[in-house]
C-alpha atoms as a PDB file:
ATOM      1  CA  MET A   1      -0.106   0.886 -33.747  1.00  0.00           C
ATOM      2  CA  ARG A   2      -1.033   3.884 -31.659  1.00  0.00           C
ATOM      3  CA  HIS A   3      -1.679   2.009 -28.381  1.00  0.00           C
ATOM      4  CA  HIS A   4       1.959   0.948 -28.379  1.00  0.00           C
ATOM      5  CA  HIS A   5       3.102   4.536 -27.888  1.00  0.00           C
ATOM      6  CA  PHE A   6       3.352   6.673 -24.817  1.00  0.00           C
ATOM      7  CA  GLU A   7       2.843   9.681 -27.060  1.00  0.00           C
ATOM      8  CA  ARG A   8      -0.360  11.383 -26.127  1.00  0.00           C
ATOM      9  CA  GLU A   9      -2.320  14.397 -27.175  1.00  0.00           C
ATOM     10  CA  GLY A  10      -3.648  16.498 -24.348  1.00  0.00           C
ATOM     11  CA  ARG A  11      -4.289  20.101 -23.543  1.00  0.00           C
ATOM     12  CA  ARG A  12      -1.560  22.398 -24.767  1.00  0.00           C
ATOM     13  CA  GLY A  13      -0.403  23.407 -21.279  1.00  0.00           C
ATOM     14  CA  ASP A  14      -0.336  19.786 -20.149  1.00  0.00           C
ATOM     15  CA  ARG A  15       1.746  18.798 -23.162  1.00  0.00           C
ATOM     16  CA  GLU A  16       4.218  21.574 -22.491  1.00  0.00           C
ATOM     17  CA  ARG A  17       4.662  20.195 -18.966  1.00  0.00           C
ATOM     18  CA  GLY A  18       5.051  16.666 -20.334  1.00  0.00           C
ATOM     19  CA  GLU A  19       1.631  15.532 -19.147  1.00  0.00           C
ATOM     20  CA  GLU A  20      -1.692  14.574 -20.585  1.00  0.00           C
ATOM     21  CA  ARG A  21      -5.147  14.242 -19.169  1.00  0.00           C
ATOM     22  CA  HIS A  22      -6.903  10.900 -19.371  1.00  0.00           C
ATOM     23  CA  GLY A  23     -10.179  10.306 -17.560  1.00  0.00           C
ATOM     24  CA  GLY A  24      -9.567  13.386 -15.433  1.00  0.00           C
ATOM     25  CA  ARG A  25      -6.124  12.215 -14.317  1.00  0.00           C
ATOM     26  CA  ARG A  26      -2.776  13.476 -15.469  1.00  0.00           C
ATOM     27  CA  ARG A  27      -0.404  10.946 -16.864  1.00  0.00           C
ATOM     28  CA  GLY A  28       3.150  11.125 -18.101  1.00  0.00           C
ATOM     29  CA  TRP A  29       3.809  11.876 -21.722  1.00  0.00           C
ATOM     30  CA  TRP A  30       6.600  10.217 -23.643  1.00  0.00           C
ATOM     31  CA  ARG A  31       7.537  10.433 -27.268  1.00  0.00           C
ATOM     32  CA  ARG A  32       8.762   6.885 -27.661  1.00  0.00           C
ATOM     33  CA  ARG A  33       7.307   3.445 -27.992  1.00  0.00           C
ATOM     34  CA  VAL A  34       6.741   1.452 -24.842  1.00  0.00           C
ATOM     35  CA  PHE A  35       8.659  -1.454 -26.325  1.00  0.00           C
ATOM     36  CA  ASP A  36      11.044  -1.519 -29.237  1.00  0.00           C
ATOM     37  CA  HIS A  37      10.648  -4.234 -31.862  1.00  0.00           C
ATOM     38  CA  GLY A  38      10.708  -7.658 -30.223  1.00  0.00           C
ATOM     39  CA  GLU A  39      11.034  -6.347 -26.660  1.00  0.00           C
ATOM     40  CA  LEU A  40       7.496  -7.203 -25.569  1.00  0.00           C
ATOM     41  CA  ARG A  41       8.145 -10.806 -26.603  1.00  0.00           C
ATOM     42  CA  LEU A  42      11.333 -10.846 -24.496  1.00  0.00           C
ATOM     43  CA  VAL A  43       9.633  -9.207 -21.505  1.00  0.00           C
ATOM     44  CA  MET A  44       6.771 -11.706 -21.687  1.00  0.00           C
ATOM     45  CA  LEU A  45       9.229 -14.596 -21.866  1.00  0.00           C
ATOM     46  CA  ALA A  46      11.147 -13.210 -18.878  1.00  0.00           C
ATOM     47  CA  LEU A  47       7.909 -12.944 -16.863  1.00  0.00           C
ATOM     48  CA  ILE A  48       7.042 -16.541 -17.706  1.00  0.00           C
ATOM     49  CA  ALA A  49      10.573 -17.561 -16.681  1.00  0.00           C
ATOM     50  CA  GLU A  50       9.850 -16.116 -13.203  1.00  0.00           C
ATOM     51  CA  LYS A  51       6.800 -18.351 -12.825  1.00  0.00           C
ATOM     52  CA  PRO A  52       4.210 -19.997 -15.080  1.00  0.00           C
ATOM     53  CA  ARG A  53       1.544 -17.474 -16.089  1.00  0.00           C
ATOM     54  CA  HIS A  54      -1.487 -17.002 -18.234  1.00  0.00           C
ATOM     55  CA  GLY A  55      -2.078 -14.076 -20.580  1.00  0.00           C
ATOM     56  CA  TYR A  56      -4.089 -11.942 -18.171  1.00  0.00           C
ATOM     57  CA  ASP A  57      -1.335 -12.257 -15.521  1.00  0.00           C
ATOM     58  CA  ILE A  58       1.163 -10.936 -18.044  1.00  0.00           C
ATOM     59  CA  ILE A  59      -1.039  -8.001 -19.001  1.00  0.00           C
ATOM     60  CA  LYS A  60      -1.594  -7.009 -15.349  1.00  0.00           C
ATOM     61  CA  ASP A  61       2.084  -7.430 -14.414  1.00  0.00           C
ATOM     62  CA  ILE A  62       3.262  -5.191 -17.243  1.00  0.00           C
ATOM     63  CA  GLU A  63       0.583  -2.624 -16.427  1.00  0.00           C
ATOM     64  CA  GLU A  64       1.661  -2.536 -12.771  1.00  0.00           C
ATOM     65  CA  ARG A  65       5.351  -2.255 -13.637  1.00  0.00           C
ATOM     66  CA  LEU A  66       4.529   0.701 -15.890  1.00  0.00           C
ATOM     67  CA  GLY A  67       2.559   2.487 -13.192  1.00  0.00           C
ATOM     68  CA  GLY A  68      -0.775   1.890 -14.894  1.00  0.00           C
ATOM     69  CA  VAL A  69       0.046   4.083 -17.893  1.00  0.00           C
ATOM     70  CA  TYR A  70       0.136   1.205 -20.390  1.00  0.00           C
ATOM     71  CA  ALA A  71      -1.152  -2.332 -20.595  1.00  0.00           C
ATOM     72  CA  PRO A  72      -0.586  -4.475 -23.666  1.00  0.00           C
ATOM     73  CA  SER A  73      -3.864  -5.462 -25.268  1.00  0.00           C
ATOM     74  CA  PRO A  74      -5.061  -9.068 -25.406  1.00  0.00           C
ATOM     75  CA  GLY A  75      -4.849  -8.683 -29.197  1.00  0.00           C
ATOM     76  CA  VAL A  76      -1.082  -8.340 -28.831  1.00  0.00           C
ATOM     77  CA  VAL A  77      -0.407 -10.636 -25.880  1.00  0.00           C
ATOM     78  CA  TYR A  78      -2.213 -13.788 -26.992  1.00  0.00           C
ATOM     79  CA  PRO A  79      -0.739 -13.918 -30.513  1.00  0.00           C
ATOM     80  CA  THR A  80       2.690 -13.330 -28.943  1.00  0.00           C
ATOM     81  CA  LEU A  81       2.110 -16.265 -26.581  1.00  0.00           C
ATOM     82  CA  THR A  82       1.154 -18.396 -29.579  1.00  0.00           C
ATOM     83  CA  LEU A  83       4.334 -17.312 -31.383  1.00  0.00           C
ATOM     84  CA  LEU A  84       6.504 -18.098 -28.341  1.00  0.00           C
ATOM     85  CA  GLU A  85       4.844 -21.521 -28.122  1.00  0.00           C
ATOM     86  CA  GLU A  86       5.386 -22.199 -31.835  1.00  0.00           C
ATOM     87  CA  GLN A  87       9.048 -21.203 -31.444  1.00  0.00           C
ATOM     88  CA  GLY A  88       9.363 -23.759 -28.649  1.00  0.00           C
ATOM     89  CA  PHE A  89      10.214 -21.132 -26.004  1.00  0.00           C
ATOM     90  CA  ILE A  90       7.152 -21.808 -23.843  1.00  0.00           C
ATOM     91  CA  ALA A  91       4.773 -24.728 -23.349  1.00  0.00           C
ATOM     92  CA  VAL A  92       1.222 -24.949 -22.041  1.00  0.00           C
ATOM     93  CA  GLN A  93       0.999 -26.343 -18.537  1.00  0.00           C
ATOM     94  CA  PRO A  94      -2.144 -28.103 -17.293  1.00  0.00           C
ATOM     95  CA  SER A  95      -4.290 -25.931 -15.032  1.00  0.00           C
ATOM     96  CA  ASP A  96      -7.327 -26.512 -12.840  1.00  0.00           C
ATOM     97  CA  GLU A  97      -8.583 -22.981 -13.596  1.00  0.00           C
ATOM     98  CA  GLY A  98      -9.368 -23.699 -17.228  1.00  0.00           C
ATOM     99  CA  LYS A  99      -6.852 -21.049 -18.320  1.00  0.00           C
ATOM    100  CA  LYS A 100      -3.721 -21.816 -20.291  1.00  0.00           C
ATOM    101  CA  HIS A 101      -0.692 -21.405 -18.054  1.00  0.00           C
ATOM    102  CA  TYR A 102       2.580 -21.098 -19.905  1.00  0.00           C
ATOM    103  CA  ALA A 103       5.935 -22.288 -18.585  1.00  0.00           C
ATOM    104  CA  ILE A 104       9.338 -21.591 -20.078  1.00  0.00           C
ATOM    105  CA  THR A 105      11.174 -24.392 -21.872  1.00  0.00           C
ATOM    106  CA  ALA A 106      14.913 -25.079 -22.042  1.00  0.00           C
ATOM    107  CA  ALA A 107      14.961 -23.402 -25.468  1.00  0.00           C
ATOM    108  CA  GLY A 108      13.212 -20.362 -23.973  1.00  0.00           C
ATOM    109  CA  THR A 109      15.741 -20.167 -21.143  1.00  0.00           C
ATOM    110  CA  ALA A 110      18.585 -20.327 -23.662  1.00  0.00           C
ATOM    111  CA  TYR A 111      16.958 -17.625 -25.813  1.00  0.00           C
ATOM    112  CA  LEU A 112      16.577 -15.375 -22.752  1.00  0.00           C
ATOM    113  CA  GLY A 113      20.235 -15.914 -21.930  1.00  0.00           C
ATOM    114  CA  GLU A 114      21.246 -14.896 -25.445  1.00  0.00           C
ATOM    115  CA  ASN A 115      19.140 -11.726 -25.128  1.00  0.00           C
ATOM    116  CA  ARG A 116      19.865 -10.912 -21.471  1.00  0.00           C
ATOM    117  CA  GLU A 117      21.061  -7.347 -22.192  1.00  0.00           C
ATOM    118  CA  ALA A 118      17.934  -6.489 -24.199  1.00  0.00           C
ATOM    119  CA  VAL A 119      15.676  -7.907 -21.461  1.00  0.00           C
ATOM    120  CA  GLU A 120      17.518  -5.952 -18.762  1.00  0.00           C
ATOM    121  CA  ALA A 121      17.314  -2.738 -20.807  1.00  0.00           C
ATOM    122  CA  ALA A 122      13.565  -3.168 -21.380  1.00  0.00           C
ATOM    123  CA  ARG A 123      12.932  -3.917 -17.704  1.00  0.00           C
ATOM    124  CA  ALA A 124      15.021  -0.937 -16.584  1.00  0.00           C
ATOM    125  CA  ARG A 125      13.011   1.338 -18.896  1.00  0.00           C
ATOM    126  CA  MET A 126       9.766  -0.149 -17.545  1.00  0.00           C
ATOM    127  CA  ASP A 127      10.879   0.419 -13.949  1.00  0.00           C
ATOM    128  CA  GLN A 128      11.924   3.974 -14.732  1.00  0.00           C
ATOM    129  CA  ALA A 129       8.611   4.729 -16.454  1.00  0.00           C
ATOM    130  CA  GLY A 130       6.655   3.164 -13.599  1.00  0.00           C
ATOM    131  CA  ALA A 131       8.564   5.169 -10.992  1.00  0.00           C
ATOM    132  CA  ALA A 132       7.987   8.388 -12.936  1.00  0.00           C
ATOM    133  CA  MET A 133       4.233   7.856 -12.770  1.00  0.00           C
ATOM    134  CA  GLY A 134       4.038   8.380  -9.007  1.00  0.00           C
ATOM    135  CA  PRO A 135       2.376   5.994  -6.579  1.00  0.00           C
ATOM    136  CA  ALA A 136       1.740   2.460  -7.769  1.00  0.00           C
ATOM    137  CA  PRO A 137      -1.834   1.760  -8.891  1.00  0.00           C
ATOM    138  CA  GLN A 138      -2.319  -0.591  -5.934  1.00  0.00           C
ATOM    139  CA  ILE A 139      -1.551   2.225  -3.484  1.00  0.00           C
ATOM    140  CA  VAL A 140      -3.817   4.687  -5.283  1.00  0.00           C
ATOM    141  CA  ARG A 141      -6.614   2.085  -5.223  1.00  0.00           C
ATOM    142  CA  ALA A 142      -6.103   1.417  -1.510  1.00  0.00           C
ATOM    143  CA  MET A 143      -6.132   5.153  -0.723  1.00  0.00           C
ATOM    144  CA  GLU A 144      -9.375   5.567  -2.660  1.00  0.00           C
ATOM    145  CA  ASN A 145     -10.896   2.569  -0.851  1.00  0.00           C
ATOM    146  CA  LEU A 146     -10.058   4.134   2.510  1.00  0.00           C
ATOM    147  CA  ARG A 147     -11.441   7.515   1.483  1.00  0.00           C
ATOM    148  CA  MET A 148     -14.667   5.895   0.276  1.00  0.00           C
ATOM    149  CA  ALA A 149     -15.036   3.779   3.436  1.00  0.00           C
ATOM    150  CA  LEU A 150     -14.691   6.893   5.593  1.00  0.00           C
ATOM    151  CA  ARG A 151     -17.153   8.842   3.445  1.00  0.00           C
ATOM    152  CA  LEU A 152     -19.724   6.028   3.558  1.00  0.00           C
ATOM    153  CA  ARG A 153     -19.373   5.621   7.308  1.00  0.00           C
ATOM    154  CA  MET A 154     -19.701   9.355   7.950  1.00  0.00           C
ATOM    155  CA  ALA A 155     -22.827   9.460   5.754  1.00  0.00           C
ATOM    156  CA  ARG A 156     -24.569   6.968   8.053  1.00  0.00           C
ATOM    157  CA  GLY A 157     -24.623   9.512  10.850  1.00  0.00           C
ATOM    158  CA  PRO A 158     -22.566  10.730  13.782  1.00  0.00           C
ATOM    159  CA  LEU A 159     -20.073   8.416  15.432  1.00  0.00           C
ATOM    160  CA  SER A 160     -20.265   7.523  19.104  1.00  0.00           C
ATOM    161  CA  ASP A 161     -17.243   8.214  21.289  1.00  0.00           C
ATOM    162  CA  LYS A 162     -16.243   4.537  21.062  1.00  0.00           C
ATOM    163  CA  GLU A 163     -16.615   4.520  17.255  1.00  0.00           C
ATOM    164  CA  LEU A 164     -14.552   7.720  16.989  1.00  0.00           C
ATOM    165  CA  GLN A 165     -11.787   6.112  19.037  1.00  0.00           C
ATOM    166  CA  ASP A 166     -11.923   2.900  16.969  1.00  0.00           C
ATOM    167  CA  VAL A 167     -11.730   4.735  13.626  1.00  0.00           C
ATOM    168  CA  ALA A 168      -8.904   6.990  14.841  1.00  0.00           C
ATOM    169  CA  ALA A 169      -7.013   3.948  16.188  1.00  0.00           C
ATOM    170  CA  ALA A 170      -7.421   2.084  12.889  1.00  0.00           C
ATOM    171  CA  LEU A 171      -6.151   5.083  10.900  1.00  0.00           C
ATOM    172  CA  ASP A 172      -3.229   5.590  13.295  1.00  0.00           C
ATOM    173  CA  ALA A 173      -2.315   1.890  13.037  1.00  0.00           C
ATOM    174  CA  ALA A 174      -2.398   2.088   9.243  1.00  0.00           C
ATOM    175  CA  ALA A 175      -0.175   5.186   9.279  1.00  0.00           C
ATOM    176  CA  ILE A 176       2.349   3.485  11.551  1.00  0.00           C
ATOM    177  CA  ALA A 177       2.374   0.354   9.379  1.00  0.00           C
ATOM    178  CA  VAL A 178       2.994   2.439   6.244  1.00  0.00           C
ATOM    179  CA  GLU A 179       5.818   4.369   7.894  1.00  0.00           C
ATOM    180  CA  ARG A 180       7.511   1.116   8.918  1.00  0.00           C
ATOM    181  CA  THR A 181       7.528  -0.361   5.401  1.00  0.00           C
END
């Protein structure tokens, strides 16, 4: 299926630089599948082994690890969860949220152990792809939120001397906190 590939079609110049344009943003361009056969199932199982999760958590986690360039569709994730459950690798855990939380079983832990090298290889590729995409989506979102907050505040009219000092102090504090992390 096409959405399983990093391969993209973009403007000729972008493709020559290994990029594509999507929604006005440039994104990386790979010529390989995100996951080889069976790897998504292993990655999902490994994520569930970290902590019980529901399908949406898995989708968002994979998307974040891949720098926002790919998120598995619900049409892939939920049938895979059903398959893992039928294989006895995961079990539904009761939840107050009304969502199905899945936890790994002893059989799932054993299966992960047998496939440790494949899981590690898939995760390493995910980390590498995510790092190649630049800032994490959470940081890009936070930067955009700050830019919008400043724009909205400036549109309300001039700042008093006190407000100027407060805004400058808040921005300086944020810069210092980022430098320290």
